[in-house]
Amino acid sequence: MFPSVSLAQEIGLAVLLVAALVWVIGLGHMLWDSRFHQPEPGAFEGLPAIPAQRGVASHPMESVELTEAEQQAFAGLIRTIALH
């Protein structure tokens, strides 16, 4: 094809172009379907993006008690981060 391009580069370029073409066709198909085929109301409500936080009475495995040394080390870490 090009005299300054190796065969491996030509093959890579052809694969890249075919992949891009498949992607564009798939995107167009997906947009075409979503434009003309609206889902029925209430068919799928989905999940909330961020689940609600639990209250104070959470599972005991979700919290730990820190020793005084661990609390001091954590406070020192927070002070170090706050200074930067």
PDB file of N, CA and C in Angstrom:
ATOM      1  N   MET A   1       0.829  -1.166   0.000  1.00  0.00           N
ATOM      2  CA  MET A   1       0.000   0.000   0.000  1.00  0.00           C
ATOM      3  C   MET A   1       0.886   1.247   0.000  1.00  0.00           C
ATOM      4  N   PHE A   2       1.596   1.505   1.098  1.00  0.00           N
ATOM      5  CA  PHE A   2       2.542   2.611   1.163  1.00  0.00           C
ATOM      6  C   PHE A   2       3.943   2.029   1.177  1.00  0.00           C
ATOM      7  N   PRO A   3       4.879   2.588   0.441  1.00  0.00           N
ATOM      8  CA  PRO A   3       6.227   2.012   0.400  1.00  0.00           C
ATOM      9  C   PRO A   3       6.977   2.159   1.720  1.00  0.00           C
ATOM     10  N   SER A   4       6.658   3.157   2.540  1.00  0.00           N
ATOM     11  CA  SER A   4       7.405   3.367   3.782  1.00  0.00           C
ATOM     12  C   SER A   4       6.762   2.700   4.991  1.00  0.00           C
ATOM     13  N   VAL A   5       5.671   1.962   4.787  1.00  0.00           N
ATOM     14  CA  VAL A   5       4.961   1.320   5.886  1.00  0.00           C
ATOM     15  C   VAL A   5       5.143  -0.180   5.764  1.00  0.00           C
ATOM     16  N   SER A   6       5.500  -0.818   6.900  1.00  0.00           N
ATOM     17  CA  SER A   6       5.721  -2.266   6.874  1.00  0.00           C
ATOM     18  C   SER A   6       4.388  -3.009   6.769  1.00  0.00           C
ATOM     19  N   LEU A   7       4.477  -4.284   6.462  1.00  0.00           N
ATOM     20  CA  LEU A   7       3.283  -5.121   6.334  1.00  0.00           C
ATOM     21  C   LEU A   7       2.547  -5.206   7.673  1.00  0.00           C
ATOM     22  N   ALA A   8       3.290  -5.327   8.766  1.00  0.00           N
ATOM     23  CA  ALA A   8       2.655  -5.408  10.084  1.00  0.00           C
ATOM     24  C   ALA A   8       1.888  -4.130  10.398  1.00  0.00           C
ATOM     25  N   GLN A   9       2.435  -2.985  10.020  1.00  0.00           N
ATOM     26  CA  GLN A   9       1.737  -1.725  10.254  1.00  0.00           C
ATOM     27  C   GLN A   9       0.497  -1.613   9.391  1.00  0.00           C
ATOM     28  N   GLU A  10       0.555  -2.092   8.162  1.00  0.00           N
ATOM     29  CA  GLU A  10      -0.623  -2.081   7.294  1.00  0.00           C
ATOM     30  C   GLU A  10      -1.724  -2.961   7.864  1.00  0.00           C
ATOM     31  N   ILE A  11      -1.345  -4.132   8.367  1.00  0.00           N
ATOM     32  CA  ILE A  11      -2.333  -5.039   8.963  1.00  0.00           C
ATOM     33  C   ILE A  11      -2.935  -4.397  10.211  1.00  0.00           C
ATOM     34  N   GLY A  12      -2.087  -3.789  11.037  1.00  0.00           N
ATOM     35  CA  GLY A  12      -2.585  -3.119  12.243  1.00  0.00           C
ATOM     36  C   GLY A  12      -3.535  -1.987  11.916  1.00  0.00           C
ATOM     37  N   LEU A  13      -3.202  -1.218  10.875  1.00  0.00           N
ATOM     38  CA  LEU A  13      -4.068  -0.129  10.462  1.00  0.00           C
ATOM     39  C   LEU A  13      -5.406  -0.653   9.941  1.00  0.00           C
ATOM     40  N   ALA A  14      -5.365  -1.743   9.191  1.00  0.00           N
ATOM     41  CA  ALA A  14      -6.602  -2.330   8.670  1.00  0.00           C
ATOM     42  C   ALA A  14      -7.480  -2.836   9.817  1.00  0.00           C
ATOM     43  N   VAL A  15      -6.859  -3.494  10.809  1.00  0.00           N
ATOM     44  CA  VAL A  15      -7.627  -3.993  11.961  1.00  0.00           C
ATOM     45  C   VAL A  15      -8.222  -2.830  12.740  1.00  0.00           C
ATOM     46  N   LEU A  16      -7.446  -1.768  12.919  1.00  0.00           N
ATOM     47  CA  LEU A  16      -7.936  -0.597  13.635  1.00  0.00           C
ATOM     48  C   LEU A  16      -9.107   0.052  12.903  1.00  0.00           C
ATOM     49  N   LEU A  17      -9.015   0.164  11.594  1.00  0.00           N
ATOM     50  CA  LEU A  17     -10.099   0.759  10.827  1.00  0.00           C
ATOM     51  C   LEU A  17     -11.361  -0.097  10.860  1.00  0.00           C
ATOM     52  N   VAL A  18     -11.198  -1.406  10.791  1.00  0.00           N
ATOM     53  CA  VAL A  18     -12.365  -2.295  10.872  1.00  0.00           C
ATOM     54  C   VAL A  18     -13.013  -2.200  12.251  1.00  0.00           C
ATOM     55  N   ALA A  19     -12.196  -2.156  13.305  1.00  0.00           N
ATOM     56  CA  ALA A  19     -12.746  -2.033  14.664  1.00  0.00           C
ATOM     57  C   ALA A  19     -13.488  -0.711  14.823  1.00  0.00           C
ATOM     58  N   ALA A  20     -12.931   0.369  14.290  1.00  0.00           N
ATOM     59  CA  ALA A  20     -13.597   1.669  14.373  1.00  0.00           C
ATOM     60  C   ALA A  20     -14.912   1.645  13.598  1.00  0.00           C
ATOM     61  N   LEU A  21     -14.932   1.019  12.447  1.00  0.00           N
ATOM     62  CA  LEU A  21     -16.148   0.925  11.653  1.00  0.00           C
ATOM     63  C   LEU A  21     -17.221   0.115  12.383  1.00  0.00           C
ATOM     64  N   VAL A  22     -16.829  -0.994  12.978  1.00  0.00           N
ATOM     65  CA  VAL A  22     -17.782  -1.817  13.740  1.00  0.00           C
ATOM     66  C   VAL A  22     -18.326  -1.024  14.919  1.00  0.00           C
ATOM     67  N   TRP A  23     -17.462  -0.258  15.591  1.00  0.00           N
ATOM     68  CA  TRP A  23     -17.894   0.544  16.734  1.00  0.00           C
ATOM     69  C   TRP A  23     -18.899   1.608  16.291  1.00  0.00           C
ATOM     70  N   VAL A  24     -18.619   2.298  15.205  1.00  0.00           N
ATOM     71  CA  VAL A  24     -19.518   3.345  14.711  1.00  0.00           C
ATOM     72  C   VAL A  24     -20.855   2.750  14.294  1.00  0.00           C
ATOM     73  N   ILE A  25     -20.823   1.614  13.629  1.00  0.00           N
ATOM     74  CA  ILE A  25     -22.081   0.957  13.225  1.00  0.00           C
ATOM     75  C   ILE A  25     -22.873   0.525  14.451  1.00  0.00           C
ATOM     76  N   GLY A  26     -22.193  -0.045  15.440  1.00  0.00           N
ATOM     77  CA  GLY A  26     -22.880  -0.456  16.670  1.00  0.00           C
ATOM     78  C   GLY A  26     -23.465   0.721  17.421  1.00  0.00           C
ATOM     79  N   LEU A  27     -22.726   1.821  17.481  1.00  0.00           N
ATOM     80  CA  LEU A  27     -23.234   3.019  18.147  1.00  0.00           C
ATOM     81  C   LEU A  27     -24.447   3.574  17.401  1.00  0.00           C
ATOM     82  N   GLY A  28     -24.370   3.616  16.098  1.00  0.00           N
ATOM     83  CA  GLY A  28     -25.503   4.093  15.314  1.00  0.00           C
ATOM     84  C   GLY A  28     -26.721   3.216  15.488  1.00  0.00           C
ATOM     85  N   HIS A  29     -26.515   1.908  15.517  1.00  0.00           N
ATOM     86  CA  HIS A  29     -27.617   0.974  15.715  1.00  0.00           C
ATOM     87  C   HIS A  29     -28.244   1.178  17.089  1.00  0.00           C
ATOM     88  N   MET A  30     -27.406   1.356  18.099  1.00  0.00           N
ATOM     89  CA  MET A  30     -27.913   1.552  19.457  1.00  0.00           C
ATOM     90  C   MET A  30     -28.705   2.855  19.550  1.00  0.00           C
ATOM     91  N   LEU A  31     -28.195   3.928  18.951  1.00  0.00           N
ATOM     92  CA  LEU A  31     -28.922   5.194  18.984  1.00  0.00           C
ATOM     93  C   LEU A  31     -30.211   5.126  18.175  1.00  0.00           C
ATOM     94  N   TRP A  32     -30.186   4.433  17.057  1.00  0.00           N
ATOM     95  CA  TRP A  32     -31.385   4.278  16.226  1.00  0.00           C
ATOM     96  C   TRP A  32     -32.462   3.525  16.990  1.00  0.00           C
ATOM     97  N   ASP A  33     -32.063   2.446  17.675  1.00  0.00           N
ATOM     98  CA  ASP A  33     -33.035   1.671  18.449  1.00  0.00           C
ATOM     99  C   ASP A  33     -33.613   2.474  19.608  1.00  0.00           C
ATOM    100  N   SER A  34     -32.773   3.245  20.277  1.00  0.00           N
ATOM    101  CA  SER A  34     -33.274   3.999  21.425  1.00  0.00           C
ATOM    102  C   SER A  34     -34.181   5.142  20.981  1.00  0.00           C
ATOM    103  N   ARG A  35     -34.016   5.603  19.749  1.00  0.00           N
ATOM    104  CA  ARG A  35     -34.843   6.704  19.265  1.00  0.00           C
ATOM    105  C   ARG A  35     -36.257   6.241  18.935  1.00  0.00           C
ATOM    106  N   PHE A  36     -36.386   5.068  18.379  1.00  0.00           N
ATOM    107  CA  PHE A  36     -37.685   4.595  17.917  1.00  0.00           C
ATOM    108  C   PHE A  36     -38.338   3.566  18.826  1.00  0.00           C
ATOM    109  N   HIS A  37     -37.613   3.013  19.738  1.00  0.00           N
ATOM    110  CA  HIS A  37     -38.167   1.989  20.626  1.00  0.00           C
ATOM    111  C   HIS A  37     -38.050   2.452  22.064  1.00  0.00           C
ATOM    112  N   GLN A  38     -38.986   3.271  22.497  1.00  0.00           N
ATOM    113  CA  GLN A  38     -38.989   3.748  23.874  1.00  0.00           C
ATOM    114  C   GLN A  38     -39.506   2.631  24.779  1.00  0.00           C
ATOM    115  N   PRO A  39     -38.866   2.445  25.942  1.00  0.00           N
ATOM    116  CA  PRO A  39     -39.349   1.402  26.855  1.00  0.00           C
ATOM    117  C   PRO A  39     -40.708   1.780  27.436  1.00  0.00           C
ATOM    118  N   GLU A  40     -41.440   0.758  27.831  1.00  0.00           N
ATOM    119  CA  GLU A  40     -42.743   0.988  28.437  1.00  0.00           C
ATOM    120  C   GLU A  40     -42.553   1.641  29.803  1.00  0.00           C
ATOM    121  N   PRO A  41     -43.461   2.518  30.188  1.00  0.00           N
ATOM    122  CA  PRO A  41     -43.337   3.151  31.511  1.00  0.00           C
ATOM    123  C   PRO A  41     -43.381   2.104  32.621  1.00  0.00           C
ATOM    124  N   GLY A  42     -42.449   2.189  33.532  1.00  0.00           N
ATOM    125  CA  GLY A  42     -42.403   1.259  34.655  1.00  0.00           C
ATOM    126  C   GLY A  42     -41.807  -0.086  34.318  1.00  0.00           C
ATOM    127  N   ALA A  43     -41.292  -0.274  33.095  1.00  0.00           N
ATOM    128  CA  ALA A  43     -40.738  -1.577  32.727  1.00  0.00           C
ATOM    129  C   ALA A  43     -39.457  -1.865  33.496  1.00  0.00           C
ATOM    130  N   PHE A  44     -38.634  -0.843  33.693  1.00  0.00           N
ATOM    131  CA  PHE A  44     -37.390  -1.027  34.430  1.00  0.00           C
ATOM    132  C   PHE A  44     -37.091   0.262  35.174  1.00  0.00           C
ATOM    133  N   GLU A  45     -37.183   0.186  36.466  1.00  0.00           N
ATOM    134  CA  GLU A  45     -36.924   1.373  37.271  1.00  0.00           C
ATOM    135  C   GLU A  45     -35.435   1.545  37.540  1.00  0.00           C
ATOM    136  N   GLY A  46     -34.689   0.454  37.584  1.00  0.00           N
ATOM    137  CA  GLY A  46     -33.255   0.541  37.818  1.00  0.00           C
ATOM    138  C   GLY A  46     -32.923   0.727  39.294  1.00  0.00           C
ATOM    139  N   LEU A  47     -31.643   0.709  39.563  1.00  0.00           N
ATOM    140  CA  LEU A  47     -31.161   0.896  40.918  1.00  0.00           C
ATOM    141  C   LEU A  47     -30.722   2.342  41.097  1.00  0.00           C
ATOM    142  N   PRO A  48     -30.768   2.844  42.306  1.00  0.00           N
ATOM    143  CA  PRO A  48     -30.254   4.189  42.523  1.00  0.00           C
ATOM    144  C   PRO A  48     -28.748   4.206  42.283  1.00  0.00           C
ATOM    145  N   ALA A  49     -28.242   5.323  41.851  1.00  0.00           N
ATOM    146  CA  ALA A  49     -26.820   5.425  41.534  1.00  0.00           C
ATOM    147  C   ALA A  49     -25.963   5.201  42.775  1.00  0.00           C
ATOM    148  N   ILE A  50     -26.363   5.765  43.889  1.00  0.00           N
ATOM    149  CA  ILE A  50     -25.626   5.601  45.141  1.00  0.00           C
ATOM    150  C   ILE A  50     -26.600   5.051  46.168  1.00  0.00           C
ATOM    151  N   PRO A  51     -26.294   3.898  46.729  1.00  0.00           N
ATOM    152  CA  PRO A  51     -27.220   3.341  47.712  1.00  0.00           C
ATOM    153  C   PRO A  51     -27.289   4.221  48.964  1.00  0.00           C
ATOM    154  N   ALA A  52     -28.411   4.180  49.622  1.00  0.00           N
ATOM    155  CA  ALA A  52     -28.597   4.981  50.824  1.00  0.00           C
ATOM    156  C   ALA A  52     -27.668   4.491  51.927  1.00  0.00           C
ATOM    157  N   GLN A  53     -27.190   5.431  52.730  1.00  0.00           N
ATOM    158  CA  GLN A  53     -26.331   5.057  53.840  1.00  0.00           C
ATOM    159  C   GLN A  53     -27.162   4.456  54.947  1.00  0.00           C
ATOM    160  N   ARG A  54     -26.525   3.589  55.676  1.00  0.00           N
ATOM    161  CA  ARG A  54     -27.221   2.970  56.797  1.00  0.00           C
ATOM    162  C   ARG A  54     -27.187   3.909  57.985  1.00  0.00           C
ATOM    163  N   GLY A  55     -28.114   3.704  58.860  1.00  0.00           N
ATOM    164  CA  GLY A  55     -28.189   4.542  60.053  1.00  0.00           C
ATOM    165  C   GLY A  55     -27.120   4.176  61.071  1.00  0.00           C
ATOM    166  N   VAL A  56     -27.298   4.694  62.265  1.00  0.00           N
ATOM    167  CA  VAL A  56     -26.329   4.456  63.333  1.00  0.00           C
ATOM    168  C   VAL A  56     -26.288   2.979  63.707  1.00  0.00           C
ATOM    169  N   ALA A  57     -27.416   2.314  63.652  1.00  0.00           N
ATOM    170  CA  ALA A  57     -27.487   0.898  64.037  1.00  0.00           C
ATOM    171  C   ALA A  57     -27.078   0.030  62.851  1.00  0.00           C
ATOM    172  N   SER A  58     -25.794   0.055  62.522  1.00  0.00           N
ATOM    173  CA  SER A  58     -25.317  -0.752  61.400  1.00  0.00           C
ATOM    174  C   SER A  58     -24.836  -2.104  61.910  1.00  0.00           C
ATOM    175  N   HIS A  59     -24.437  -2.909  60.988  1.00  0.00           N
ATOM    176  CA  HIS A  59     -23.943  -4.242  61.312  1.00  0.00           C
ATOM    177  C   HIS A  59     -22.644  -4.118  62.107  1.00  0.00           C
ATOM    178  N   PRO A  60     -22.443  -4.963  63.131  1.00  0.00           N
ATOM    179  CA  PRO A  60     -21.231  -4.840  63.945  1.00  0.00           C
ATOM    180  C   PRO A  60     -19.933  -5.088  63.170  1.00  0.00           C
ATOM    181  N   MET A  61     -20.003  -5.799  62.061  1.00  0.00           N
ATOM    182  CA  MET A  61     -18.794  -6.061  61.280  1.00  0.00           C
ATOM    183  C   MET A  61     -18.366  -4.830  60.477  1.00  0.00           C
ATOM    184  N   GLU A  62     -19.195  -3.796  60.417  1.00  0.00           N
ATOM    185  CA  GLU A  62     -18.880  -2.618  59.628  1.00  0.00           C
ATOM    186  C   GLU A  62     -18.187  -1.534  60.425  1.00  0.00           C
ATOM    187  N   SER A  63     -17.936  -1.762  61.673  1.00  0.00           N
ATOM    188  CA  SER A  63     -17.237  -0.774  62.492  1.00  0.00           C
ATOM    189  C   SER A  63     -16.291  -1.495  63.447  1.00  0.00           C
ATOM    190  N   VAL A  64     -15.228  -0.799  63.796  1.00  0.00           N
ATOM    191  CA  VAL A  64     -14.252  -1.345  64.749  1.00  0.00           C
ATOM    192  C   VAL A  64     -13.926  -0.268  65.772  1.00  0.00           C
ATOM    193  N   GLU A  65     -13.554  -0.701  66.933  1.00  0.00           N
ATOM    194  CA  GLU A  65     -13.110   0.214  67.972  1.00  0.00           C
ATOM    195  C   GLU A  65     -11.605   0.368  67.849  1.00  0.00           C
ATOM    196  N   LEU A  66     -11.131   1.613  67.826  1.00  0.00           N
ATOM    197  CA  LEU A  66      -9.704   1.875  67.730  1.00  0.00           C
ATOM    198  C   LEU A  66      -9.124   2.066  69.125  1.00  0.00           C
ATOM    199  N   THR A  67      -7.889   1.604  69.269  1.00  0.00           N
ATOM    200  CA  THR A  67      -7.189   1.856  70.532  1.00  0.00           C
ATOM    201  C   THR A  67      -6.766   3.321  70.555  1.00  0.00           C
ATOM    202  N   GLU A  68      -6.336   3.769  71.735  1.00  0.00           N
ATOM    203  CA  GLU A  68      -5.901   5.158  71.865  1.00  0.00           C
ATOM    204  C   GLU A  68      -4.718   5.445  70.943  1.00  0.00           C
ATOM    205  N   ALA A  69      -3.787   4.509  70.795  1.00  0.00           N
ATOM    206  CA  ALA A  69      -2.627   4.694  69.915  1.00  0.00           C
ATOM    207  C   ALA A  69      -3.067   4.779  68.456  1.00  0.00           C
ATOM    208  N   GLU A  70      -4.037   3.957  68.071  1.00  0.00           N
ATOM    209  CA  GLU A  70      -4.539   4.008  66.700  1.00  0.00           C
ATOM    210  C   GLU A  70      -5.259   5.322  66.422  1.00  0.00           C
ATOM    211  N   GLN A  71      -6.027   5.808  67.397  1.00  0.00           N
ATOM    212  CA  GLN A  71      -6.713   7.090  67.229  1.00  0.00           C
ATOM    213  C   GLN A  71      -5.712   8.230  67.072  1.00  0.00           C
ATOM    214  N   GLN A  72      -4.637   8.199  67.867  1.00  0.00           N
ATOM    215  CA  GLN A  72      -3.618   9.240  67.763  1.00  0.00           C
ATOM    216  C   GLN A  72      -2.885   9.158  66.424  1.00  0.00           C
ATOM    217  N   ALA A  73      -2.599   7.944  65.967  1.00  0.00           N
ATOM    218  CA  ALA A  73      -1.926   7.771  64.680  1.00  0.00           C
ATOM    219  C   ALA A  73      -2.813   8.270  63.542  1.00  0.00           C
ATOM    220  N   PHE A  74      -4.105   7.990  63.627  1.00  0.00           N
ATOM    221  CA  PHE A  74      -5.028   8.450  62.608  1.00  0.00           C
ATOM    222  C   PHE A  74      -5.129   9.976  62.616  1.00  0.00           C
ATOM    223  N   ALA A  75      -5.188  10.563  63.802  1.00  0.00           N
ATOM    224  CA  ALA A  75      -5.248  12.023  63.904  1.00  0.00           C
ATOM    225  C   ALA A  75      -3.979  12.649  63.325  1.00  0.00           C
ATOM    226  N   GLY A  76      -2.822  12.030  63.587  1.00  0.00           N
ATOM    227  CA  GLY A  76      -1.574  12.528  63.006  1.00  0.00           C
ATOM    228  C   GLY A  76      -1.583  12.427  61.491  1.00  0.00           C
ATOM    229  N   LEU A  77      -2.128  11.335  60.956  1.00  0.00           N
ATOM    230  CA  LEU A  77      -2.235  11.167  59.508  1.00  0.00           C
ATOM    231  C   LEU A  77      -3.120  12.251  58.898  1.00  0.00           C
ATOM    232  N   ILE A  78      -4.244  12.535  59.541  1.00  0.00           N
ATOM    233  CA  ILE A  78      -5.144  13.560  59.041  1.00  0.00           C
ATOM    234  C   ILE A  78      -4.474  14.936  59.092  1.00  0.00           C
ATOM    235  N   ARG A  79      -3.727  15.221  60.151  1.00  0.00           N
ATOM    236  CA  ARG A  79      -3.015  16.503  60.225  1.00  0.00           C
ATOM    237  C   ARG A  79      -1.978  16.601  59.123  1.00  0.00           C
ATOM    238  N   THR A  80      -1.286  15.496  58.832  1.00  0.00           N
ATOM    239  CA  THR A  80      -0.279  15.498  57.778  1.00  0.00           C
ATOM    240  C   THR A  80      -0.929  15.754  56.417  1.00  0.00           C
ATOM    241  N   ILE A  81      -2.055  15.123  56.168  1.00  0.00           N
ATOM    242  CA  ILE A  81      -2.751  15.308  54.892  1.00  0.00           C
ATOM    243  C   ILE A  81      -3.278  16.736  54.793  1.00  0.00           C
ATOM    244  N   ALA A  82      -3.791  17.287  55.900  1.00  0.00           N
ATOM    245  CA  ALA A  82      -4.355  18.630  55.877  1.00  0.00           C
ATOM    246  C   ALA A  82      -3.291  19.693  55.607  1.00  0.00           C
ATOM    247  N   LEU A  83      -2.052  19.422  55.982  1.00  0.00           N
ATOM    248  CA  LEU A  83      -0.977  20.390  55.761  1.00  0.00           C
ATOM    249  C   LEU A  83      -0.560  20.454  54.309  1.00  0.00           C
ATOM    250  N   HIS A  84      -0.820  19.423  53.554  1.00  0.00           N
ATOM    251  CA  HIS A  84      -0.383  19.404  52.147  1.00  0.00           C
ATOM    252  C   HIS A  84      -1.429  19.876  51.251  1.00  0.00           C
TER     253      HIS A  84
END
